[in-house]
């Protein structure tokens, strides 16, 4: 699953908001996150991926395990809402 959003926040503010997004998603889905350069790596049971922070966009790339794959629609919707909320 790939979710991409444009922003006009600048890289530092986008990184700060990415931290908040990851924190929110961590609470919802029991994920851990760590920075590796401009990538925020996220991992959890049946979930792994990364959030790429760029000057004018962020992109979340996530792979769901088989058990979560059947719930991709609701999970995508919840993640999109969280990202949109934090980038507003």
PDB file of N, CA and C in Angstrom:
ATOM      1  N   UNK A   1       0.853  -1.157   0.000  1.00  0.00           N
ATOM      2  CA  UNK A   1       0.000   0.000   0.000  1.00  0.00           C
ATOM      3  C   UNK A   1       0.905   1.228   0.000  1.00  0.00           C
ATOM      4  N   UNK A   2       0.587   2.165  -0.875  1.00  0.00           N
ATOM      5  CA  UNK A   2       1.345   3.416  -0.954  1.00  0.00           C
ATOM      6  C   UNK A   2       0.362   4.575  -0.791  1.00  0.00           C
ATOM      7  N   UNK A   3       0.688   5.463   0.141  1.00  0.00           N
ATOM      8  CA  UNK A   3      -0.121   6.663   0.374  1.00  0.00           C
ATOM      9  C   UNK A   3       0.823   7.850   0.260  1.00  0.00           C
ATOM     10  N   UNK A   4       0.512   8.757  -0.642  1.00  0.00           N
ATOM     11  CA  UNK A   4       1.373   9.920  -0.873  1.00  0.00           C
ATOM     12  C   UNK A   4       0.551  11.190  -0.694  1.00  0.00           C
ATOM     13  N   UNK A   5       1.135  12.161  -0.011  1.00  0.00           N
ATOM     14  CA  UNK A   5       0.489  13.453   0.194  1.00  0.00           C
ATOM     15  C   UNK A   5       1.497  14.577  -0.028  1.00  0.00           C
ATOM     16  N   UNK A   6       1.048  15.628  -0.694  1.00  0.00           N
ATOM     17  CA  UNK A   6       1.866  16.822  -0.870  1.00  0.00           C
ATOM     18  C   UNK A   6       1.703  17.713   0.355  1.00  0.00           C
ATOM     19  N   UNK A   7       2.709  18.551   0.594  1.00  0.00           N
ATOM     20  CA  UNK A   7       2.629  19.515   1.692  1.00  0.00           C
ATOM     21  C   UNK A   7       3.479  20.738   1.333  1.00  0.00           C
ATOM     22  N   UNK A   8       3.280  21.783   2.093  1.00  0.00           N
ATOM     23  CA  UNK A   8       4.074  23.009   1.931  1.00  0.00           C
ATOM     24  C   UNK A   8       4.692  23.403   3.271  1.00  0.00           C
ATOM     25  N   UNK A   9       5.095  22.412   4.021  1.00  0.00           N
ATOM     26  CA  UNK A   9       5.568  22.631   5.389  1.00  0.00           C
ATOM     27  C   UNK A   9       7.075  22.824   5.481  1.00  0.00           C
ATOM     28  N   UNK A  10       7.803  22.420   4.463  1.00  0.00           N
ATOM     29  CA  UNK A  10       9.258  22.384   4.561  1.00  0.00           C
ATOM     30  C   UNK A  10       9.671  21.071   5.210  1.00  0.00           C
ATOM     31  N   UNK A  11      10.910  20.709   5.029  1.00  0.00           N
ATOM     32  CA  UNK A  11      11.376  19.390   5.448  1.00  0.00           C
ATOM     33  C   UNK A  11      11.368  19.218   6.968  1.00  0.00           C
ATOM     34  N   UNK A  12      11.796  20.214   7.714  1.00  0.00           N
ATOM     35  CA  UNK A  12      11.872  20.070   9.174  1.00  0.00           C
ATOM     36  C   UNK A  12      10.491  19.920   9.804  1.00  0.00           C
ATOM     37  N   UNK A  13       9.548  20.749   9.394  1.00  0.00           N
ATOM     38  CA  UNK A  13       8.191  20.639   9.933  1.00  0.00           C
ATOM     39  C   UNK A  13       7.541  19.338   9.484  1.00  0.00           C
ATOM     40  N   UNK A  14       7.808  18.922   8.258  1.00  0.00           N
ATOM     41  CA  UNK A  14       7.259  17.652   7.768  1.00  0.00           C
ATOM     42  C   UNK A  14       7.798  16.479   8.586  1.00  0.00           C
ATOM     43  N   UNK A  15       9.079  16.517   8.940  1.00  0.00           N
ATOM     44  CA  UNK A  15       9.660  15.463   9.786  1.00  0.00           C
ATOM     45  C   UNK A  15       9.004  15.457  11.162  1.00  0.00           C
ATOM     46  N   UNK A  16       8.781  16.626  11.709  1.00  0.00           N
ATOM     47  CA  UNK A  16       8.125  16.732  13.009  1.00  0.00           C
ATOM     48  C   UNK A  16       6.715  16.136  12.967  1.00  0.00           C
ATOM     49  N   UNK A  17       6.003  16.468  11.921  1.00  0.00           N
ATOM     50  CA  UNK A  17       4.640  15.932  11.780  1.00  0.00           C
ATOM     51  C   UNK A  17       4.647  14.443  11.478  1.00  0.00           C
ATOM     52  N   UNK A  18       5.669  13.983  10.762  1.00  0.00           N
ATOM     53  CA  UNK A  18       5.791  12.544  10.504  1.00  0.00           C
ATOM     54  C   UNK A  18       5.969  11.794  11.822  1.00  0.00           C
ATOM     55  N   UNK A  19       6.721  12.384  12.751  1.00  0.00           N
ATOM     56  CA  UNK A  19       6.860  11.787  14.083  1.00  0.00           C
ATOM     57  C   UNK A  19       5.500  11.658  14.765  1.00  0.00           C
ATOM     58  N   UNK A  20       4.698  12.700  14.658  1.00  0.00           N
ATOM     59  CA  UNK A  20       3.363  12.675  15.273  1.00  0.00           C
ATOM     60  C   UNK A  20       2.463  11.650  14.591  1.00  0.00           C
ATOM     61  N   UNK A  21       2.559  11.574  13.262  1.00  0.00           N
ATOM     62  CA  UNK A  21       1.778  10.579  12.514  1.00  0.00           C
ATOM     63  C   UNK A  21       2.164   9.179  12.979  1.00  0.00           C
ATOM     64  N   UNK A  22       3.477   8.928  13.055  1.00  0.00           N
ATOM     65  CA  UNK A  22       3.955   7.609  13.482  1.00  0.00           C
ATOM     66  C   UNK A  22       3.512   7.300  14.908  1.00  0.00           C
ATOM     67  N   UNK A  23       3.548   8.301  15.772  1.00  0.00           N
ATOM     68  CA  UNK A  23       3.101   8.104  17.150  1.00  0.00           C
ATOM     69  C   UNK A  23       1.636   7.717  17.212  1.00  0.00           C
ATOM     70  N   UNK A  24       0.834   8.399  16.414  1.00  0.00           N
ATOM     71  CA  UNK A  24      -0.591   8.093  16.376  1.00  0.00           C
ATOM     72  C   UNK A  24      -0.836   6.695  15.833  1.00  0.00           C
ATOM     73  N   UNK A  25      -0.161   6.348  14.742  1.00  0.00           N
ATOM     74  CA  UNK A  25      -0.317   5.018  14.155  1.00  0.00           C
ATOM     75  C   UNK A  25       0.224   3.943  15.087  1.00  0.00           C
ATOM     76  N   UNK A  26       1.284   4.261  15.837  1.00  0.00           N
ATOM     77  CA  UNK A  26       1.841   3.306  16.789  1.00  0.00           C
ATOM     78  C   UNK A  26       0.817   2.941  17.853  1.00  0.00           C
ATOM     79  N   UNK A  27       0.077   3.934  18.309  1.00  0.00           N
ATOM     80  CA  UNK A  27      -0.957   3.673  19.309  1.00  0.00           C
ATOM     81  C   UNK A  27      -2.083   2.835  18.725  1.00  0.00           C
ATOM     82  N   UNK A  28      -2.484   3.131  17.508  1.00  0.00           N
ATOM     83  CA  UNK A  28      -3.593   2.421  16.881  1.00  0.00           C
ATOM     84  C   UNK A  28      -3.233   0.995  16.496  1.00  0.00           C
ATOM     85  N   UNK A  29      -2.012   0.778  16.011  1.00  0.00           N
ATOM     86  CA  UNK A  29      -1.650  -0.509  15.422  1.00  0.00           C
ATOM     87  C   UNK A  29      -0.453  -1.187  16.096  1.00  0.00           C
ATOM     88  N   UNK A  30      -0.044  -0.722  17.254  1.00  0.00           N
ATOM     89  CA  UNK A  30       1.085  -1.312  17.992  1.00  0.00           C
ATOM     90  C   UNK A  30       2.345  -1.411  17.132  1.00  0.00           C
ATOM     91  N   UNK A  31       2.734  -0.288  16.552  1.00  0.00           N
ATOM     92  CA  UNK A  31       3.923  -0.228  15.699  1.00  0.00           C
ATOM     93  C   UNK A  31       5.079   0.426  16.437  1.00  0.00           C
ATOM     94  N   UNK A  32       6.282   0.141  15.985  1.00  0.00           N
ATOM     95  CA  UNK A  32       7.454   0.882  16.439  1.00  0.00           C
ATOM     96  C   UNK A  32       7.989   1.655  15.240  1.00  0.00           C
ATOM     97  N   UNK A  33       8.669   2.755  15.507  1.00  0.00           N
ATOM     98  CA  UNK A  33       9.215   3.550  14.409  1.00  0.00           C
ATOM     99  C   UNK A  33      10.587   4.090  14.791  1.00  0.00           C
ATOM    100  N   UNK A  34      11.495   4.130  13.800  1.00  0.00           N
ATOM    101  CA  UNK A  34      12.829   4.680  13.985  1.00  0.00           C
ATOM    102  C   UNK A  34      13.250   5.410  12.715  1.00  0.00           C
ATOM    103  N   UNK A  35      13.965   6.510  12.884  1.00  0.00           N
ATOM    104  CA  UNK A  35      14.450   7.275  11.741  1.00  0.00           C
ATOM    105  C   UNK A  35      15.715   6.628  11.183  1.00  0.00           C
ATOM    106  N   UNK A  36      15.781   6.546   9.863  1.00  0.00           N
ATOM    107  CA  UNK A  36      16.985   6.157   9.136  1.00  0.00           C
ATOM    108  C   UNK A  36      17.130   7.146   7.996  1.00  0.00           C
ATOM    109  N   UNK A  37      17.843   8.250   8.250  1.00  0.00           N
ATOM    110  CA  UNK A  37      17.935   9.340   7.273  1.00  0.00           C
ATOM    111  C   UNK A  37      16.586  10.026   7.145  1.00  0.00           C
ATOM    112  N   UNK A  38      16.086  10.162   5.924  1.00  0.00           N
ATOM    113  CA  UNK A  38      14.777  10.771   5.702  1.00  0.00           C
ATOM    114  C   UNK A  38      13.654   9.735   5.681  1.00  0.00           C
ATOM    115  N   UNK A  39      13.962   8.507   6.091  1.00  0.00           N
ATOM    116  CA  UNK A  39      12.974   7.439   6.157  1.00  0.00           C
ATOM    117  C   UNK A  39      12.605   7.178   7.612  1.00  0.00           C
ATOM    118  N   UNK A  40      11.329   7.116   7.887  1.00  0.00           N
ATOM    119  CA  UNK A  40      10.852   6.704   9.197  1.00  0.00           C
ATOM    120  C   UNK A  40      10.356   5.269   9.031  1.00  0.00           C
ATOM    121  N   UNK A  41      11.133   4.324   9.528  1.00  0.00           N
ATOM    122  CA  UNK A  41      10.827   2.906   9.369  1.00  0.00           C
ATOM    123  C   UNK A  41       9.804   2.506  10.422  1.00  0.00           C
ATOM    124  N   UNK A  42       8.730   1.840   9.984  1.00  0.00           N
ATOM    125  CA  UNK A  42       7.683   1.378  10.891  1.00  0.00           C
ATOM    126  C   UNK A  42       7.577  -0.145  10.808  1.00  0.00           C
ATOM    127  N   UNK A  43       7.404  -0.760  11.976  1.00  0.00           N
ATOM    128  CA  UNK A  43       7.305  -2.215  12.044  1.00  0.00           C
ATOM    129  C   UNK A  43       6.287  -2.593  13.101  1.00  0.00           C
ATOM    130  N   UNK A  44       5.662  -3.705  12.873  1.00  0.00           N
ATOM    131  CA  UNK A  44       4.722  -4.252  13.838  1.00  0.00           C
ATOM    132  C   UNK A  44       4.326  -5.649  13.403  1.00  0.00           C
ATOM    133  N   UNK A  45       3.487  -6.280  14.168  1.00  0.00           N
ATOM    134  CA  UNK A  45       3.035  -7.615  13.832  1.00  0.00           C
ATOM    135  C   UNK A  45       2.206  -7.560  12.557  1.00  0.00           C
ATOM    136  N   UNK A  46       2.711  -8.158  11.507  1.00  0.00           N
ATOM    137  CA  UNK A  46       2.011  -8.191  10.228  1.00  0.00           C
ATOM    138  C   UNK A  46       2.089  -6.901   9.430  1.00  0.00           C
ATOM    139  N   UNK A  47       2.950  -5.974   9.845  1.00  0.00           N
ATOM    140  CA  UNK A  47       3.074  -4.680   9.164  1.00  0.00           C
ATOM    141  C   UNK A  47       4.539  -4.276   9.121  1.00  0.00           C
ATOM    142  N   UNK A  48       5.010  -3.837   7.953  1.00  0.00           N
ATOM    143  CA  UNK A  48       6.315  -3.193   7.884  1.00  0.00           C
ATOM    144  C   UNK A  48       6.323  -2.239   6.710  1.00  0.00           C
ATOM    145  N   UNK A  49       7.094  -1.185   6.874  1.00  0.00           N
ATOM    146  CA  UNK A  49       7.165  -0.194   5.816  1.00  0.00           C
ATOM    147  C   UNK A  49       7.969   1.006   6.248  1.00  0.00           C
ATOM    148  N   UNK A  50       7.798   2.088   5.505  1.00  0.00           N
ATOM    149  CA  UNK A  50       8.516   3.308   5.842  1.00  0.00           C
ATOM    150  C   UNK A  50       7.772   4.542   5.319  1.00  0.00           C
ATOM    151  N   UNK A  51       8.030   5.635   5.997  1.00  0.00           N
ATOM    152  CA  UNK A  51       7.479   6.928   5.636  1.00  0.00           C
ATOM    153  C   UNK A  51       8.641   7.763   5.108  1.00  0.00           C
ATOM    154  N   UNK A  52       8.538   8.186   3.858  1.00  0.00           N
ATOM    155  CA  UNK A  52       9.584   8.989   3.228  1.00  0.00           C
ATOM    156  C   UNK A  52       9.181  10.453   3.334  1.00  0.00           C
ATOM    157  N   UNK A  53      10.047  11.250   3.918  1.00  0.00           N
ATOM    158  CA  UNK A  53       9.770  12.670   4.086  1.00  0.00           C
ATOM    159  C   UNK A  53      10.622  13.445   3.089  1.00  0.00           C
ATOM    160  N   UNK A  54       9.965  14.225   2.236  1.00  0.00           N
ATOM    161  CA  UNK A  54      10.652  15.066   1.260  1.00  0.00           C
ATOM    162  C   UNK A  54      10.217  16.523   1.462  1.00  0.00           C
ATOM    163  N   UNK A  55      10.867  17.416   0.770  1.00  0.00           N
ATOM    164  CA  UNK A  55      10.598  18.856   0.910  1.00  0.00           C
ATOM    165  C   UNK A  55       9.133  19.204   0.657  1.00  0.00           C
ATOM    166  N   UNK A  56       8.495  18.547  -0.307  1.00  0.00           N
ATOM    167  CA  UNK A  56       7.121  18.908  -0.667  1.00  0.00           C
ATOM    168  C   UNK A  56       6.131  17.753  -0.597  1.00  0.00           C
ATOM    169  N   UNK A  57       6.563  16.608  -0.056  1.00  0.00           N
ATOM    170  CA  UNK A  57       5.639  15.475   0.025  1.00  0.00           C
ATOM    171  C   UNK A  57       6.080  14.496   1.109  1.00  0.00           C
ATOM    172  N   UNK A  58       5.134  13.668   1.499  1.00  0.00           N
ATOM    173  CA  UNK A  58       5.457  12.503   2.308  1.00  0.00           C
ATOM    174  C   UNK A  58       4.810  11.308   1.615  1.00  0.00           C
ATOM    175  N   UNK A  59       5.460  10.167   1.762  1.00  0.00           N
ATOM    176  CA  UNK A  59       4.936   8.962   1.143  1.00  0.00           C
ATOM    177  C   UNK A  59       5.099   7.814   2.118  1.00  0.00           C
ATOM    178  N   UNK A  60       4.003   7.144   2.397  1.00  0.00           N
ATOM    179  CA  UNK A  60       4.017   5.977   3.262  1.00  0.00           C
ATOM    180  C   UNK A  60       3.911   4.731   2.396  1.00  0.00           C
ATOM    181  N   UNK A  61       4.887   3.855   2.533  1.00  0.00           N
ATOM    182  CA  UNK A  61       4.869   2.575   1.830  1.00  0.00           C
ATOM    183  C   UNK A  61       4.791   1.490   2.896  1.00  0.00           C
ATOM    184  N   UNK A  62       3.718   0.707   2.851  1.00  0.00           N
ATOM    185  CA  UNK A  62       3.475  -0.297   3.882  1.00  0.00           C
ATOM    186  C   UNK A  62       3.123  -1.629   3.229  1.00  0.00           C
ATOM    187  N   UNK A  63       3.682  -2.690   3.774  1.00  0.00           N
ATOM    188  CA  UNK A  63       3.296  -4.040   3.376  1.00  0.00           C
ATOM    189  C   UNK A  63       2.535  -4.655   4.536  1.00  0.00           C
ATOM    190  N   UNK A  64       1.357  -5.174   4.234  1.00  0.00           N
ATOM    191  CA  UNK A  64       0.538  -5.827   5.238  1.00  0.00           C
ATOM    192  C   UNK A  64       0.689  -7.335   5.107  1.00  0.00           C
ATOM    193  N   UNK A  65       0.750  -8.008   6.243  1.00  0.00           N
ATOM    194  CA  UNK A  65       0.775  -9.459   6.242  1.00  0.00           C
ATOM    195  C   UNK A  65      -0.573 -10.001   5.794  1.00  0.00           C
ATOM    196  N   UNK A  66      -0.631 -11.269   5.556  1.00  0.00           N
ATOM    197  CA  UNK A  66      -1.824 -11.915   5.032  1.00  0.00           C
ATOM    198  C   UNK A  66      -3.052 -11.665   5.909  1.00  0.00           C
ATOM    199  N   UNK A  67      -2.888 -11.762   7.211  1.00  0.00           N
ATOM    200  CA  UNK A  67      -4.030 -11.581   8.115  1.00  0.00           C
ATOM    201  C   UNK A  67      -4.605 -10.164   8.024  1.00  0.00           C
ATOM    202  N   UNK A  68      -3.756  -9.172   7.817  1.00  0.00           N
ATOM    203  CA  UNK A  68      -4.222  -7.782   7.730  1.00  0.00           C
ATOM    204  C   UNK A  68      -4.628  -7.386   6.316  1.00  0.00           C
ATOM    205  N   UNK A  69      -4.158  -8.117   5.333  1.00  0.00           N
ATOM    206  CA  UNK A  69      -4.438  -7.793   3.933  1.00  0.00           C
ATOM    207  C   UNK A  69      -5.943  -7.732   3.660  1.00  0.00           C
ATOM    208  N   UNK A  70      -6.709  -8.593   4.326  1.00  0.00           N
ATOM    209  CA  UNK A  70      -8.158  -8.598   4.110  1.00  0.00           C
ATOM    210  C   UNK A  70      -8.821  -7.346   4.670  1.00  0.00           C
ATOM    211  N   UNK A  71      -8.114  -6.616   5.534  1.00  0.00           N
ATOM    212  CA  UNK A  71      -8.641  -5.381   6.121  1.00  0.00           C
ATOM    213  C   UNK A  71      -7.982  -4.144   5.521  1.00  0.00           C
ATOM    214  N   UNK A  72      -7.371  -4.287   4.348  1.00  0.00           N
ATOM    215  CA  UNK A  72      -6.605  -3.186   3.761  1.00  0.00           C
ATOM    216  C   UNK A  72      -7.439  -1.924   3.568  1.00  0.00           C
ATOM    217  N   UNK A  73      -8.674  -2.050   3.116  1.00  0.00           N
ATOM    218  CA  UNK A  73      -9.522  -0.881   2.879  1.00  0.00           C
ATOM    219  C   UNK A  73      -9.721  -0.028   4.118  1.00  0.00           C
ATOM    220  N   UNK A  74     -10.226  -0.604   5.214  1.00  0.00           N
ATOM    221  CA  UNK A  74     -10.404   0.189   6.434  1.00  0.00           C
ATOM    222  C   UNK A  74      -9.087   0.700   7.017  1.00  0.00           C
ATOM    223  N   UNK A  75      -8.018  -0.103   6.914  1.00  0.00           N
ATOM    224  CA  UNK A  75      -6.714   0.335   7.417  1.00  0.00           C
ATOM    225  C   UNK A  75      -6.214   1.509   6.596  1.00  0.00           C
ATOM    226  N   UNK A  76      -6.321   1.431   5.275  1.00  0.00           N
ATOM    227  CA  UNK A  76      -5.901   2.531   4.394  1.00  0.00           C
ATOM    228  C   UNK A  76      -6.669   3.803   4.741  1.00  0.00           C
ATOM    229  N   UNK A  77      -7.957   3.681   4.898  1.00  0.00           N
ATOM    230  CA  UNK A  77      -8.796   4.840   5.211  1.00  0.00           C
ATOM    231  C   UNK A  77      -8.384   5.485   6.533  1.00  0.00           C
ATOM    232  N   UNK A  78      -8.138   4.670   7.551  1.00  0.00           N
ATOM    233  CA  UNK A  78      -7.733   5.201   8.856  1.00  0.00           C
ATOM    234  C   UNK A  78      -6.374   5.895   8.771  1.00  0.00           C
ATOM    235  N   UNK A  79      -5.439   5.305   8.030  1.00  0.00           N
ATOM    236  CA  UNK A  79      -4.111   5.905   7.876  1.00  0.00           C
ATOM    237  C   UNK A  79      -4.203   7.212   7.093  1.00  0.00           C
ATOM    238  N   UNK A  80      -4.960   7.214   6.005  1.00  0.00           N
ATOM    239  CA  UNK A  80      -5.128   8.451   5.220  1.00  0.00           C
ATOM    240  C   UNK A  80      -5.720   9.567   6.070  1.00  0.00           C
ATOM    241  N   UNK A  81      -6.723   9.238   6.881  1.00  0.00           N
ATOM    242  CA  UNK A  81      -7.318  10.249   7.754  1.00  0.00           C
ATOM    243  C   UNK A  81      -6.309  10.792   8.753  1.00  0.00           C
ATOM    244  N   UNK A  82      -5.493   9.913   9.328  1.00  0.00           N
ATOM    245  CA  UNK A  82      -4.468  10.348  10.284  1.00  0.00           C
ATOM    246  C   UNK A  82      -3.446  11.256   9.620  1.00  0.00           C
ATOM    247  N   UNK A  83      -2.973  10.871   8.434  1.00  0.00           N
ATOM    248  CA  UNK A  83      -1.988  11.693   7.718  1.00  0.00           C
ATOM    249  C   UNK A  83      -2.598  13.055   7.353  1.00  0.00           C
ATOM    250  N   UNK A  84      -3.796  13.038   6.796  1.00  0.00           N
ATOM    251  CA  UNK A  84      -4.442  14.297   6.400  1.00  0.00           C
ATOM    252  C   UNK A  84      -4.647  15.214   7.598  1.00  0.00           C
ATOM    253  N   UNK A  85      -5.016  14.648   8.712  1.00  0.00           N
ATOM    254  CA  UNK A  85      -5.232  15.422   9.945  1.00  0.00           C
ATOM    255  C   UNK A  85      -3.944  16.115  10.392  1.00  0.00           C
ATOM    256  N   UNK A  86      -2.842  15.394  10.326  1.00  0.00           N
ATOM    257  CA  UNK A  86      -1.576  15.947  10.791  1.00  0.00           C
ATOM    258  C   UNK A  86      -0.908  16.892   9.800  1.00  0.00           C
ATOM    259  N   UNK A  87      -1.248  16.795   8.541  1.00  0.00           N
ATOM    260  CA  UNK A  87      -0.656  17.692   7.549  1.00  0.00           C
ATOM    261  C   UNK A  87      -1.485  18.947   7.325  1.00  0.00           C
ATOM    262  N   UNK A  88      -2.693  18.989   7.864  1.00  0.00           N
ATOM    263  CA  UNK A  88      -3.584  20.154   7.675  1.00  0.00           C
ATOM    264  C   UNK A  88      -3.055  21.388   8.382  1.00  0.00           C
TER     265      UNK A  88
END
